[in-house]
Protein backbone atom coordinates (compact mmCIF):
# COMPACT_ATOMS: atom_id res chain seq x y z
CA MET A 1 10.72 -8.68 -36.20
CA LEU A 2 7.69 -10.12 -34.51
CA ASN A 3 4.60 -10.11 -36.74
CA ILE A 4 1.98 -9.05 -34.23
CA ALA A 5 -0.85 -8.92 -36.77
CA ARG A 6 -0.76 -12.69 -37.28
CA ARG A 7 -1.41 -13.51 -33.65
CA PRO A 8 -4.72 -13.28 -31.75
CA SER A 9 -4.35 -10.19 -29.61
CA ALA A 10 -6.10 -11.78 -26.63
CA HIS A 11 -3.49 -14.51 -26.38
CA LEU A 12 -0.27 -12.77 -27.35
CA ARG A 13 2.11 -12.73 -24.39
CA TRP A 14 5.42 -11.03 -23.88
CA THR A 15 8.30 -13.47 -23.56
CA THR A 16 12.02 -13.21 -23.04
CA THR A 17 12.58 -13.55 -26.78
CA LEU A 18 10.64 -10.47 -27.89
CA LEU A 19 12.63 -7.96 -29.89
CA ILE A 20 12.47 -4.22 -29.51
CA CYS A 21 9.93 -2.69 -31.90
CA ARG A 22 10.26 0.95 -30.95
CA PRO A 23 13.04 3.04 -29.39
CA TYR A 24 12.83 3.41 -25.63
CA SER A 25 12.55 7.18 -25.71
CA ALA A 26 9.71 7.27 -28.19
CA PRO A 27 6.26 7.81 -26.67
CA PRO A 28 3.38 5.53 -27.64
CA SER A 29 2.10 6.63 -31.02
CA ASN A 30 -1.60 6.56 -30.15
CA GLY A 31 -1.42 6.92 -26.38
CA ASN A 32 -2.27 3.31 -25.53
CA ILE A 33 0.28 1.04 -27.22
CA PRO A 34 3.17 0.23 -24.86
CA PRO A 35 6.69 0.69 -26.27
CA TRP A 36 8.39 -2.67 -26.60
CA ARG A 37 11.56 -3.41 -24.70
CA PRO A 38 14.48 -5.77 -25.18
CA SER A 39 13.39 -8.22 -22.51
CA ASN A 40 16.85 -9.73 -22.13
CA VAL A 41 17.82 -6.55 -20.27
CA LEU A 42 15.67 -7.85 -17.41
CA ASP A 43 16.84 -11.46 -17.56
CA GLU A 44 19.81 -11.06 -15.22
CA TRP A 45 17.70 -9.33 -12.60
CA VAL A 46 14.71 -11.63 -12.95
CA GLN A 47 16.98 -14.61 -12.24
CA ARG A 48 17.86 -13.13 -8.86
CA GLU A 49 15.73 -13.98 -5.83
CA ALA A 50 14.42 -11.23 -3.61
CA HIS A 51 15.61 -11.53 -0.02
CA PRO A 52 12.71 -11.04 2.44
CA ILE A 53 13.41 -9.36 5.76
CA SER A 54 11.56 -9.05 9.05
CA LEU A 55 10.96 -6.11 11.36
CA ARG A 56 13.25 -7.76 13.92
CA GLN A 57 16.09 -8.04 11.38
CA LEU A 58 15.68 -4.41 10.38
CA THR A 59 15.70 -3.39 14.03
CA PHE A 60 18.77 -5.42 15.04
CA PHE A 61 20.68 -4.22 12.01
CA GLY A 62 19.93 -0.58 12.70
CA ARG A 63 20.47 -0.56 16.45
CA THR A 64 24.24 -0.12 16.30
CA LEU A 65 25.12 1.90 13.26
CA ASN A 66 28.58 2.43 11.89
CA GLU A 67 29.87 3.32 8.46
CA SER A 68 30.36 -0.31 7.45
CA ARG A 69 26.78 -1.22 8.30
CA LEU A 70 25.45 1.83 6.50
CA LEU A 71 27.38 0.82 3.38
CA SER A 72 25.99 -2.72 3.69
CA SER A 73 22.51 -1.27 3.86
CA ALA A 74 23.16 0.83 0.78
CA ASN A 75 24.41 -2.21 -1.16
CA TYR A 76 21.37 -4.24 -0.12
CA VAL A 77 19.07 -1.48 -1.38
CA ARG A 78 21.14 -1.08 -4.55
CA LEU A 79 20.64 -4.75 -5.49
CA GLU A 80 17.23 -5.43 -3.98
CA LEU A 81 15.29 -2.57 -5.57
CA PRO A 82 16.05 -3.41 -9.22
CA THR A 83 15.52 -7.12 -8.48
CA ARG A 84 12.02 -6.56 -7.09
CA ILE A 85 11.13 -4.10 -9.86
CA ALA A 86 12.39 -6.52 -12.53
CA HIS A 87 10.16 -9.27 -11.12
CA ARG A 88 7.12 -7.01 -11.42
CA LEU A 89 8.06 -5.99 -14.96
CA ARG A 90 8.21 -9.66 -15.90
CA ASN A 91 4.78 -10.14 -14.29
CA MET A 92 3.41 -7.40 -16.52
CA GLN A 93 5.05 -8.93 -19.58
CA THR A 94 3.02 -12.10 -19.07
CA LEU A 95 -0.29 -10.26 -19.45
CA PRO A 96 -2.11 -10.61 -22.77
CA TYR A 97 -1.13 -7.98 -25.30
CA SER A 98 -4.71 -6.70 -25.40
CA ALA A 99 -4.40 -5.90 -21.69
CA LEU A 100 -1.07 -4.15 -22.15
CA THR A 101 -2.54 -1.79 -24.73
CA ASN A 102 -4.71 -0.35 -21.96
CA GLU A 103 -3.44 3.18 -21.37
CA HIS A 104 -3.34 2.82 -17.58
CA ILE A 105 -1.46 -0.51 -17.55
CA SER A 106 0.91 0.90 -20.18
CA HIS A 107 1.50 3.96 -17.99
CA VAL A 108 2.38 1.76 -15.02
CA TYR A 109 4.73 -0.36 -17.12
CA GLU A 110 6.54 2.78 -18.31
CA ALA A 111 6.88 4.09 -14.76
CA TYR A 112 8.29 0.76 -13.56
CA TYR A 113 10.70 0.50 -16.46
CA ARG A 114 12.06 3.98 -15.82
CA ALA A 115 12.42 3.09 -12.13
CA PHE A 116 14.27 -0.08 -13.09
CA GLU A 117 16.81 1.93 -15.10
CA THR A 118 17.21 4.69 -12.51
CA PHE A 119 16.10 2.97 -9.31
CA ARG A 120 18.08 5.30 -7.05
CA LYS A 121 15.65 8.07 -7.94
CA VAL A 122 11.98 7.58 -7.20
CA PRO A 123 10.14 10.41 -8.97
CA GLU A 124 6.84 11.83 -7.80
CA GLU A 125 5.30 10.46 -10.96
CA HIS A 126 5.13 7.06 -9.32
CA LEU A 127 2.22 8.29 -7.22
CA THR A 128 0.14 7.73 -10.34
CA VAL A 129 0.79 3.98 -10.20
CA ILE A 130 -2.01 2.91 -7.84
CA PRO A 131 -4.93 4.80 -9.41
CA ARG A 132 -3.70 3.94 -12.90
CA LEU A 133 -3.34 0.27 -11.99
CA ALA A 134 -6.81 0.19 -10.45
CA MET A 135 -8.37 1.85 -13.51
CA GLY A 136 -6.50 -0.38 -15.93
CA ILE A 137 -7.54 -3.52 -14.07
CA LEU A 138 -11.18 -2.43 -14.18
CA GLU A 139 -10.96 -1.73 -17.90
CA ILE A 140 -9.32 -4.98 -19.08
CA GLN A 141 -12.01 -7.35 -17.80
CA ASP A 142 -12.79 -8.55 -21.34
CA SER A 143 -9.30 -10.00 -21.81
CA VAL A 144 -8.15 -10.94 -18.29
CA SER A 145 -10.23 -12.75 -15.67
CA GLY A 146 -11.10 -11.00 -12.42
CA ASP A 147 -9.15 -13.57 -10.38
CA GLU A 148 -6.04 -13.08 -12.50
CA CYS A 149 -6.39 -9.30 -12.20
CA ASP A 150 -6.58 -9.57 -8.41
CA ARG A 151 -3.50 -11.80 -8.25
CA PHE A 152 -1.65 -9.34 -10.47
CA MET A 153 -2.67 -6.34 -8.32
CA ASN A 154 -1.79 -8.07 -5.07
CA THR A 155 1.64 -9.07 -6.37
CA LEU A 156 2.49 -5.62 -7.73
CA LEU A 157 1.26 -3.68 -4.73
CA ARG A 158 2.91 -5.99 -2.20
CA SER A 159 6.20 -5.58 -4.05
CA ARG A 160 5.69 -1.82 -4.17
CA ILE A 161 5.34 -1.74 -0.38
CA SER A 162 8.49 -3.85 -0.05
CA ARG A 163 10.56 -1.47 -2.15
CA ARG A 164 9.41 1.52 -0.15
CA VAL A 165 10.22 -0.28 3.11
CA ILE A 166 13.81 -1.07 2.23
CA ALA A 167 14.45 2.30 0.56
CA GLU A 168 12.89 4.42 3.32
CA GLN A 169 14.54 2.31 6.03
CA HIS A 170 17.95 2.93 4.50
CA LEU A 171 17.29 6.66 4.11
CA ALA A 172 16.13 6.85 7.72
CA LEU A 173 19.24 4.98 8.92
CA ASN A 174 21.40 7.35 6.90
CA GLU A 175 19.70 10.29 8.59
CA THR A 176 20.23 8.64 11.97
CA PHE A 177 23.91 8.00 11.27
CA HIS A 178 24.48 11.70 10.55
CA SER A 179 22.36 12.99 13.41
CA PRO A 180 24.02 15.04 16.21
CA TRP A 181 23.25 12.48 18.93
CA HIS A 182 24.74 9.48 17.10
CA PHE A 183 28.36 8.43 17.57
CA ASP A 184 29.82 5.86 15.20
CA GLY A 185 29.49 2.41 16.77
CA LYS A 186 29.24 3.76 20.31
CA LYS A 187 25.58 4.55 20.72
CA SER A 188 22.36 2.84 19.91
CA ALA A 189 20.71 3.91 16.69
CA VAL A 190 17.54 4.55 18.68
CA ALA A 191 16.83 8.25 18.96
CA PRO A 192 16.56 9.12 22.66
CA GLU A 193 13.28 10.97 22.23
CA ASP A 194 11.25 8.57 20.12
CA GLU A 195 12.76 5.06 20.07
CA PHE A 196 12.67 4.67 16.31
CA VAL A 197 15.11 2.46 14.44
CA GLY A 198 14.87 3.95 11.00
CA GLU A 199 11.18 3.75 10.10
CA ILE A 200 10.43 1.09 12.75
CA PHE A 201 8.86 2.28 15.99
CA LEU A 202 9.93 -0.14 18.72
CA LYS A 203 7.06 0.80 21.03
CA CYS A 204 4.19 1.16 18.62
CA ASN A 205 1.00 1.59 20.66
CA ALA A 206 -2.28 0.56 19.01
CA LYS A 207 -4.34 2.81 21.30
CA GLU A 208 -2.43 5.93 20.26
CA ILE A 209 -2.69 5.10 16.57
CA VAL A 210 -6.42 4.34 16.84
CA GLU A 211 -6.95 7.72 18.50
CA LYS A 212 -4.93 9.50 15.84
CA CYS A 213 -6.73 7.75 12.98
CA ALA A 214 -10.09 8.45 14.61
CA ARG A 215 -9.34 12.17 14.69
CA ARG A 216 -8.44 12.12 11.00
CA ALA A 217 -11.51 10.08 10.08
CA ASN A 218 -13.76 12.44 12.04
CA GLU A 219 -12.29 15.44 10.23
CA LEU A 220 -12.94 13.80 6.88
CA THR A 221 -16.50 12.89 7.85
CA ARG A 222 -17.25 16.46 8.89
CA LYS A 223 -15.81 17.66 5.61
CA ALA A 224 -18.02 15.24 3.67
CA TYR A 225 -21.29 15.56 5.64
CA GLY A 226 -21.06 19.02 7.17
CA PRO A 227 -19.64 20.45 10.41
CA THR A 228 -22.85 19.76 12.39
CA VAL A 229 -22.98 16.02 11.65
CA SER A 230 -23.34 13.77 14.72
CA LEU A 231 -20.28 11.52 14.91
CA PRO A 232 -20.10 8.20 16.79
CA LYS A 233 -17.78 7.99 19.75
CA ILE A 234 -14.77 5.67 19.50
CA VAL A 235 -14.73 3.47 22.61
CA LEU A 236 -11.37 1.80 23.28
CA GLN A 237 -11.17 -1.38 25.35
CA GLY A 238 -8.75 -4.18 26.17
CA HIS A 239 -4.97 -4.12 26.51
CA LEU A 240 -4.48 -0.40 25.93
CA ASP A 241 -0.85 -0.32 27.10
CA THR A 242 0.50 -3.04 24.83
CA THR A 243 3.37 -2.04 22.55
CA PHE A 244 5.12 -3.83 19.69
CA PRO A 245 7.64 -3.08 16.92
CA TYR A 246 5.97 -1.94 13.71
CA ILE A 247 6.08 0.61 10.92
CA PRO A 248 3.43 3.10 12.08
CA SER A 249 2.44 4.27 8.59
CA HIS A 250 1.35 0.71 7.70
CA LEU A 251 -0.85 0.40 10.78
CA GLU A 252 -2.20 3.92 10.30
CA TYR A 253 -3.36 3.14 6.80
CA ILE A 254 -5.23 -0.01 7.83
CA LEU A 255 -6.89 1.48 10.91
CA GLY A 256 -7.59 4.72 9.06
CA GLU A 257 -9.51 2.85 6.37
CA LEU A 258 -11.41 0.70 8.87
CA LEU A 259 -12.42 3.64 11.06
CA ARG A 260 -13.31 5.83 8.12
CA ASN A 261 -15.56 3.11 6.70
CA SER A 262 -17.20 2.50 10.07
CA ILE A 263 -17.80 6.17 10.86
CA GLN A 264 -19.28 6.91 7.45
CA SER A 265 -21.49 3.81 7.59
CA VAL A 266 -22.86 4.75 11.01
CA VAL A 267 -23.49 8.35 9.95
CA GLU A 268 -25.31 7.26 6.79
CA GLN A 269 -27.30 4.58 8.62
CA ARG A 270 -28.44 6.76 11.53
CA GLY A 271 -28.93 10.08 9.74
CA SER A 272 -29.49 12.88 12.24
CA ALA A 273 -30.14 10.51 15.14
CA GLU A 274 -27.60 10.07 17.91
CA PRO A 275 -25.17 7.47 16.52
CA PRO A 276 -24.15 4.38 18.52
CA PRO A 277 -20.46 4.12 19.43
CA ILE A 278 -17.78 2.30 17.47
CA GLU A 279 -15.97 -0.16 19.72
CA VAL A 280 -12.28 -0.90 19.27
CA LEU A 281 -10.96 -3.86 21.26
CA ILE A 282 -7.18 -4.42 21.53
CA CYS A 283 -6.12 -7.94 22.57
CA GLU A 284 -2.53 -8.92 23.36
CA ALA A 285 -1.53 -12.58 22.98
CA ALA A 286 1.86 -14.27 23.18
CA GLN A 287 2.57 -14.02 19.46
CA HIS A 288 0.03 -11.54 18.14
CA VAL A 289 -1.90 -8.37 18.76
CA ILE A 290 -5.51 -8.48 17.55
CA ILE A 291 -7.53 -5.32 16.99
CA ARG A 292 -11.29 -5.59 16.50
CA VAL A 293 -13.29 -2.66 15.11
CA SER A 294 -17.06 -3.08 15.66
CA ASP A 295 -19.72 -0.74 14.31
CA GLN A 296 -23.50 -0.60 14.00
CA GLY A 297 -23.56 0.88 10.52
CA GLY A 298 -26.00 -1.58 8.97
CA GLY A 299 -23.52 -4.05 7.52
CA ILE A 300 -22.46 -4.47 3.90
CA ASP A 301 -24.80 -4.82 0.93
CA ARG A 302 -25.24 -8.41 -0.22
CA GLU A 303 -24.26 -7.53 -3.78
CA ILE A 304 -20.92 -6.09 -2.63
CA LEU A 305 -19.97 -8.57 0.12
CA PRO A 306 -18.60 -11.35 -2.18
CA TYR A 307 -16.24 -8.84 -3.83
CA LEU A 308 -15.09 -7.02 -0.71
CA TRP A 309 -11.39 -7.85 -1.18
CA SER A 310 -11.30 -7.58 -4.97
CA PHE A 311 -9.71 -4.79 -6.98
CA ALA A 312 -11.32 -5.99 -10.20
CA LYS A 313 -14.69 -7.59 -9.48
CA GLY A 314 -17.98 -6.25 -8.21
CA PRO A 315 -21.17 -4.52 -9.33
CA ARG A 316 -19.92 -0.91 -9.15
CA ARG A 317 -17.18 -1.06 -11.75
CA MET A 318 -18.15 2.06 -13.72
CA LYS A 319 -18.69 4.13 -10.55
CA ARG A 320 -15.27 3.11 -9.26
CA LEU A 321 -13.67 3.98 -12.61
CA LYS A 322 -15.26 7.42 -12.53
CA ASN A 323 -14.09 8.07 -8.97
CA LEU A 324 -10.56 6.83 -9.62
CA GLY A 325 -10.37 9.24 -12.54
CA GLN A 326 -10.67 12.07 -10.01
CA VAL A 327 -7.61 10.88 -8.06
CA PRO A 328 -4.55 11.21 -10.31
CA ARG A 329 -2.14 10.49 -7.46
CA LEU A 330 -2.42 8.00 -4.63
CA ALA A 331 0.25 6.81 -2.23
CA ALA A 332 -1.70 4.22 -0.22
CA THR A 333 -0.46 5.71 3.04
CA MET A 334 -2.21 7.53 5.86
CA GLN A 335 -1.64 10.75 3.93
CA ASP A 336 -4.38 9.64 1.53
CA LEU A 337 -6.77 9.68 4.49
CA GLN A 338 -6.15 13.23 5.63
CA LEU A 339 -7.50 16.58 4.58
CA PRO A 340 -5.80 18.49 1.77
CA PRO A 341 -3.07 20.89 3.01
CA SER A 342 -5.25 23.89 2.13
CA HIS A 343 -7.94 22.84 4.62
CA PRO A 344 -7.72 24.74 7.94
CA ASP A 345 -7.96 21.53 9.99
CA SER A 346 -5.32 19.71 7.99
CA THR A 347 -2.29 18.24 9.77
CA ALA A 348 -0.44 17.44 6.54
CA GLY A 349 3.19 18.39 6.59
CA SER A 350 3.16 19.01 10.35
CA GLY A 351 6.51 17.30 10.73
CA GLU A 352 5.29 14.60 13.09
CA LYS A 353 7.33 11.39 13.13
CA PHE A 354 4.32 9.11 12.52
CA GLY A 355 4.46 9.80 8.81
CA SER A 356 6.63 8.92 5.87
CA SER A 357 8.52 10.52 3.03
CA LEU A 358 5.12 11.03 1.37
CA ALA A 359 3.83 13.43 4.02
CA SER A 360 3.40 16.31 1.57
CA LEU A 361 0.67 14.54 -0.38
CA SER A 362 -2.81 15.94 -0.51
CA GLY A 363 -5.63 13.63 0.55
CA ARG A 364 -8.33 12.37 -1.75
CA PRO A 365 -11.76 14.02 -1.54
CA PRO A 366 -13.41 12.91 1.70
CA ASP A 367 -16.63 11.61 0.14
CA LEU A 368 -15.00 9.79 -2.79
CA ARG A 369 -15.17 6.00 -2.58
CA LEU A 370 -12.62 4.17 -4.67
CA GLY A 371 -13.27 0.54 -3.71
CA ILE A 372 -9.59 -0.18 -3.09
CA GLY A 373 -9.18 0.75 0.59
CA LEU A 374 -10.05 -2.65 2.06
CA PRO A 375 -8.06 -4.81 -0.40
CA MET A 376 -5.11 -2.43 -0.01
CA SER A 377 -5.43 -2.66 3.78
CA ARG A 378 -5.35 -6.46 3.59
CA ILE A 379 -2.14 -6.29 1.54
CA TYR A 380 -0.56 -4.12 4.24
CA ALA A 381 -1.77 -6.50 6.97
CA GLU A 382 -0.49 -9.62 5.21
CA TYR A 383 2.83 -8.01 4.25
CA TRP A 384 4.26 -8.72 7.72
CA ALA A 385 2.44 -12.10 7.90
CA GLY A 386 -0.64 -10.70 9.62
CA SER A 387 -4.26 -10.90 8.52
CA LEU A 388 -7.40 -8.81 8.06
CA GLU A 389 -10.91 -10.25 8.12
CA LEU A 390 -14.34 -8.66 8.10
CA HIS A 391 -17.66 -10.12 9.19
CA SER A 392 -20.91 -8.40 8.27
CA LEU A 393 -24.28 -8.77 10.00
CA GLU A 394 -26.81 -7.54 7.49
CA GLY A 395 -29.00 -4.81 8.95
CA TYR A 396 -26.79 -4.37 12.01
CA GLY A 397 -23.10 -3.72 11.44
CA CYS A 398 -19.59 -5.06 10.85
CA ASP A 399 -16.72 -6.53 12.85
CA ALA A 400 -13.23 -6.15 11.39
CA PHE A 401 -10.38 -8.23 12.85
CA LEU A 402 -6.79 -7.13 12.30
CA GLN A 403 -4.05 -9.51 13.49
CA ILE A 404 -0.41 -8.43 13.51
CA SER A 405 2.78 -10.00 14.80
CA ARG A 406 3.65 -8.82 18.30
CA LEU A 407 7.31 -9.87 18.08
CA GLY A 408 8.24 -8.49 14.65
CA ASN A 409 9.95 -11.76 13.74
CA LYS A 410 7.93 -12.56 10.62
CA ASN A 411 9.54 -12.07 7.23
CA GLU A 412 7.83 -9.84 4.70
CA VAL A 413 5.57 -11.83 2.37
CA LEU A 414 6.85 -11.58 -1.19
CA SER A 415 6.12 -13.28 -4.49
CA THR A 416 9.22 -15.33 -5.22
CA ARG A 417 10.87 -16.10 -8.53
CA ALA A 418 9.76 -19.71 -8.12
CA THR A 419 6.12 -18.69 -8.04
CA MET A 420 6.66 -16.59 -11.16
CA ASP A 421 8.29 -19.51 -12.99
CA ALA A 422 5.32 -21.72 -12.08
CA VAL A 423 2.89 -19.50 -14.02
């Protein structure tokens, strides 16, 4: 049995040789000590490499569905989900023991371990992962550096997106295969009315998504500042007819966060005065689509700007902790940016296709700032090898630049086993 008391807690790390110190089913005795696990259970899965995929591969695979392809998809999901979860569990096991005793990090570890053992079932409890992770990261600053915390968060959240992509894509293909209009191997897997292949929309239109996200952001702003608040107009310019293959919920989350930030900044900067418009420029290039969101909301405070993309660092740590404590569940989808279902203007659960399996979630309070929207948006942007940048002009406003692949031929960006072994 490992003698934990003889080791400095700040430097104790979980390794593949740790023995189990407490039965799996037993809860933590004091609420913040993580149950130990026989790490060799993970070894087989950690040795496997994840297999990144691109939007184009997902589309080609799903275009002509038959039973054999559906079974292949199921087998891919069956192997890929536990592999990606095992990699993240091993990431967590390399944190210092003093960090793992944090109740929020321990909670996340437990949720991931249960998912690893029963990966075919994704319980609602997993919606606690993001707020718990964010709170835990903010609380363990004394034992883990801010840079290490950010790397850890980026790796876990990127992998979380990847698991949802492959699982929801398979479920959507399964639904397509059993739909009335599909005939085994004889028809395209593209629904005649919407041109979706699983969760991928082949003709995703940035203009339409900007307009949708702007409506949601305006509703939230009215809820936060009152129904009589003067809202800035959203002026769309550029290549408004361009389309590209994408997962709409990813783009909705990014644009929803950018527009919400811009609208709130303009409202707060201008007060009751007539607000200047927010300009959204859509540019189509050979390989990319670039979306620029420009506002005149006064820019970003100097003290915050260096930590704009950080989950862990920045001057408002205690305020962020307090706010995160008010959001027990968070999906990091567009549903987080909509009004709660009880609100009369809410569109939650409306059955529209531009959603996800998480459409029943309630949104977070409209005036609650968590400090994770921009770094989470960058993770979504970079997941399909895109990018998100923001430039602030102090006293004037901000320009945000979102670049995404126009062709859908970029593999998802994952942390590989080789990068884990290099730690």
